[in-house]
Amino acid sequence: MVVTDGENAYLISGGGDVMNAEPRESPSGETGVIGIGSGGFYATAAARALVTVDGLEIEEIAERAMTVAADLCVYTNHNFVVETVEVIEEAEEEEEEEKGTGKDKES
């Protein structure tokens, strides 16, 4: 499994090992693309190409790249799950904390 916090990417093995994925810079200058599994190299290649296309959201890039991998690799199927988690930015968190603190002070 691949997970990210928006800045760092980690590979989590089936045994629970967590490894920091340090993506290498591609010749086109793109970084941050990671592929895993039997079709990982196909998905990585497709994603690196798609990252340069304007207007594509990251979820669409991931789905298209995995579809390419499934089309090319006999060990990869078209059944994949993309889960996204919304991250509250630090400024928003601080603002919410201040609002919460302000309410406590008024009481």
C-alpha atoms as a PDB file:
ATOM      1  CA  MET A   1       0.000   0.000   0.000  1.00  0.00           C
ATOM      2  CA  VAL A   2       1.168   3.525  -0.672  1.00  0.00           C
ATOM      3  CA  VAL A   3       0.186   6.346   1.687  1.00  0.00           C
ATOM      4  CA  THR A   4       1.109   9.997   1.802  1.00  0.00           C
ATOM      5  CA  ASP A   5       0.712  12.962   4.084  1.00  0.00           C
ATOM      6  CA  GLY A   6       0.940  15.366   1.180  1.00  0.00           C
ATOM      7  CA  GLU A   7       4.687  15.852   1.553  1.00  0.00           C
ATOM      8  CA  ASN A   8       6.145  12.390   2.131  1.00  0.00           C
ATOM      9  CA  ALA A   9       5.156   9.056   0.638  1.00  0.00           C
ATOM     10  CA  TYR A  10       5.438   5.727   2.416  1.00  0.00           C
ATOM     11  CA  LEU A  11       5.210   2.125   1.283  1.00  0.00           C
ATOM     12  CA  ILE A  12       3.485  -0.214   3.733  1.00  0.00           C
ATOM     13  CA  SER A  13       4.203  -3.905   3.185  1.00  0.00           C
ATOM     14  CA  GLY A  14       1.786  -6.747   3.834  1.00  0.00           C
ATOM     15  CA  GLY A  15       3.794  -7.524   6.976  1.00  0.00           C
ATOM     16  CA  GLY A  16       3.298  -4.000   8.306  1.00  0.00           C
ATOM     17  CA  ASP A  17       6.773  -2.682   7.509  1.00  0.00           C
ATOM     18  CA  VAL A  18       6.755   1.042   6.737  1.00  0.00           C
ATOM     19  CA  MET A  19       9.353   2.326   4.304  1.00  0.00           C
ATOM     20  CA  ASN A  20       9.966   5.912   3.316  1.00  0.00           C
ATOM     21  CA  ALA A  21       9.619   6.115  -0.444  1.00  0.00           C
ATOM     22  CA  GLU A  22      12.168   8.541  -1.797  1.00  0.00           C
ATOM     23  CA  PRO A  23      11.072   9.125  -5.366  1.00  0.00           C
ATOM     24  CA  ARG A  24      13.839   9.716  -7.866  1.00  0.00           C
ATOM     25  CA  GLU A  25      13.660  12.664 -10.201  1.00  0.00           C
ATOM     26  CA  SER A  26      12.754  11.562 -13.715  1.00  0.00           C
ATOM     27  CA  PRO A  27      14.448  13.031 -16.805  1.00  0.00           C
ATOM     28  CA  SER A  28      11.401  15.285 -17.261  1.00  0.00           C
ATOM     29  CA  GLY A  29      11.946  16.654 -13.756  1.00  0.00           C
ATOM     30  CA  GLU A  30       8.824  15.071 -12.272  1.00  0.00           C
ATOM     31  CA  THR A  31       9.048  13.518  -8.810  1.00  0.00           C
ATOM     32  CA  GLY A  32       6.612  11.973  -6.411  1.00  0.00           C
ATOM     33  CA  VAL A  33       5.347   9.116  -8.582  1.00  0.00           C
ATOM     34  CA  ILE A  34       5.390   5.699  -6.925  1.00  0.00           C
ATOM     35  CA  GLY A  35       4.195   2.338  -8.210  1.00  0.00           C
ATOM     36  CA  ILE A  36       3.886  -0.972  -6.403  1.00  0.00           C
ATOM     37  CA  GLY A  37       2.998  -4.539  -7.273  1.00  0.00           C
ATOM     38  CA  SER A  38       3.478  -6.558 -10.424  1.00  0.00           C
ATOM     39  CA  GLY A  39       2.182  -3.727 -12.628  1.00  0.00           C
ATOM     40  CA  GLY A  40       3.980  -1.024 -10.663  1.00  0.00           C
ATOM     41  CA  PHE A  41       6.506  -0.195 -13.370  1.00  0.00           C
ATOM     42  CA  TYR A  42       3.739   0.182 -15.967  1.00  0.00           C
ATOM     43  CA  ALA A  43       1.662   2.352 -13.632  1.00  0.00           C
ATOM     44  CA  THR A  44       4.684   4.486 -12.733  1.00  0.00           C
ATOM     45  CA  ALA A  45       5.536   5.086 -16.386  1.00  0.00           C
ATOM     46  CA  ALA A  46       1.944   6.017 -17.233  1.00  0.00           C
ATOM     47  CA  ALA A  47       1.631   8.294 -14.197  1.00  0.00           C
ATOM     48  CA  ARG A  48       4.870  10.108 -15.027  1.00  0.00           C
ATOM     49  CA  ALA A  49       3.487  10.837 -18.479  1.00  0.00           C
ATOM     50  CA  LEU A  50       0.090  11.916 -17.137  1.00  0.00           C
ATOM     51  CA  VAL A  51       1.505  14.219 -14.440  1.00  0.00           C
ATOM     52  CA  THR A  52       2.617  16.593 -17.189  1.00  0.00           C
ATOM     53  CA  VAL A  53      -0.949  16.911 -18.581  1.00  0.00           C
ATOM     54  CA  ASP A  54      -2.636  20.103 -17.395  1.00  0.00           C
ATOM     55  CA  GLY A  55      -6.061  19.816 -15.815  1.00  0.00           C
ATOM     56  CA  LEU A  56      -5.851  16.242 -14.534  1.00  0.00           C
ATOM     57  CA  GLU A  57      -6.611  15.706 -10.858  1.00  0.00           C
ATOM     58  CA  ILE A  58      -4.341  13.338  -8.950  1.00  0.00           C
ATOM     59  CA  GLU A  59      -7.116  10.740  -8.541  1.00  0.00           C
ATOM     60  CA  GLU A  60      -7.695  10.687 -12.309  1.00  0.00           C
ATOM     61  CA  ILE A  61      -3.963  10.276 -12.941  1.00  0.00           C
ATOM     62  CA  ALA A  62      -3.840   7.357 -10.500  1.00  0.00           C
ATOM     63  CA  GLU A  63      -6.882   5.633 -12.021  1.00  0.00           C
ATOM     64  CA  ARG A  64      -5.646   6.081 -15.591  1.00  0.00           C
ATOM     65  CA  ALA A  65      -2.154   4.846 -14.678  1.00  0.00           C
ATOM     66  CA  MET A  66      -3.547   1.766 -12.943  1.00  0.00           C
ATOM     67  CA  THR A  67      -5.775   1.062 -15.938  1.00  0.00           C
ATOM     68  CA  VAL A  68      -2.720   1.133 -18.219  1.00  0.00           C
ATOM     69  CA  ALA A  69      -0.934  -1.247 -15.853  1.00  0.00           C
ATOM     70  CA  ALA A  70      -3.915  -3.606 -15.813  1.00  0.00           C
ATOM     71  CA  ASP A  71      -4.087  -3.557 -19.611  1.00  0.00           C
ATOM     72  CA  LEU A  72      -0.390  -4.472 -19.928  1.00  0.00           C
ATOM     73  CA  CYS A  73       0.343  -6.772 -16.988  1.00  0.00           C
ATOM     74  CA  VAL A  74      -1.316 -10.200 -16.854  1.00  0.00           C
ATOM     75  CA  TYR A  75      -0.964 -10.241 -13.049  1.00  0.00           C
ATOM     76  CA  THR A  76      -2.778  -6.917 -12.571  1.00  0.00           C
ATOM     77  CA  ASN A  77      -6.553  -6.637 -12.818  1.00  0.00           C
ATOM     78  CA  HIS A  78      -8.906  -3.706 -13.263  1.00  0.00           C
ATOM     79  CA  ASN A  79     -10.274  -3.949  -9.718  1.00  0.00           C
ATOM     80  CA  PHE A  80      -8.654  -1.175  -7.714  1.00  0.00           C
ATOM     81  CA  VAL A  81      -9.718   1.152  -4.946  1.00  0.00           C
ATOM     82  CA  VAL A  82      -8.708   4.781  -4.593  1.00  0.00           C
ATOM     83  CA  GLU A  83      -9.319   6.248  -1.154  1.00  0.00           C
ATOM     84  CA  THR A  84      -8.788   9.918  -0.448  1.00  0.00           C
ATOM     85  CA  VAL A  85      -8.718  11.734   2.860  1.00  0.00           C
ATOM     86  CA  GLU A  86      -9.270  15.464   3.139  1.00  0.00           C
ATOM     87  CA  VAL A  87      -6.507  17.210   5.039  1.00  0.00           C
ATOM     88  CA  ILE A  88      -7.240  20.338   7.029  1.00  0.00           C
ATOM     89  CA  GLU A  89      -4.496  22.857   6.412  1.00  0.00           C
ATOM     90  CA  GLU A  90      -2.555  24.167   9.408  1.00  0.00           C
ATOM     91  CA  ALA A  91      -3.997  27.674   9.029  1.00  0.00           C
ATOM     92  CA  GLU A  92      -7.524  26.274   9.111  1.00  0.00           C
ATOM     93  CA  GLU A  93      -6.666  24.178  12.174  1.00  0.00           C
ATOM     94  CA  GLU A  94      -5.265  27.215  13.986  1.00  0.00           C
ATOM     95  CA  GLU A  95      -8.353  29.244  13.063  1.00  0.00           C
ATOM     96  CA  GLU A  96     -10.636  26.522  14.404  1.00  0.00           C
ATOM     97  CA  GLU A  97      -8.577  26.295  17.600  1.00  0.00           C
ATOM     98  CA  GLU A  98      -8.789  30.068  18.059  1.00  0.00           C
ATOM     99  CA  LYS A  99     -12.554  29.964  17.603  1.00  0.00           C
ATOM    100  CA  GLY A 100     -12.770  27.178  20.150  1.00  0.00           C
ATOM    101  CA  THR A 101     -10.504  29.054  22.564  1.00  0.00           C
ATOM    102  CA  GLY A 102     -12.527  32.233  22.080  1.00  0.00           C
ATOM    103  CA  LYS A 103     -15.713  30.435  23.019  1.00  0.00           C
ATOM    104  CA  ASP A 104     -14.085  29.112  26.192  1.00  0.00           C
ATOM    105  CA  LYS A 105     -12.938  32.617  27.165  1.00  0.00           C
ATOM    106  CA  GLU A 106     -16.454  34.048  26.751  1.00  0.00           C
ATOM    107  CA  SER A 107     -17.994  31.455  29.075  1.00  0.00           C
END
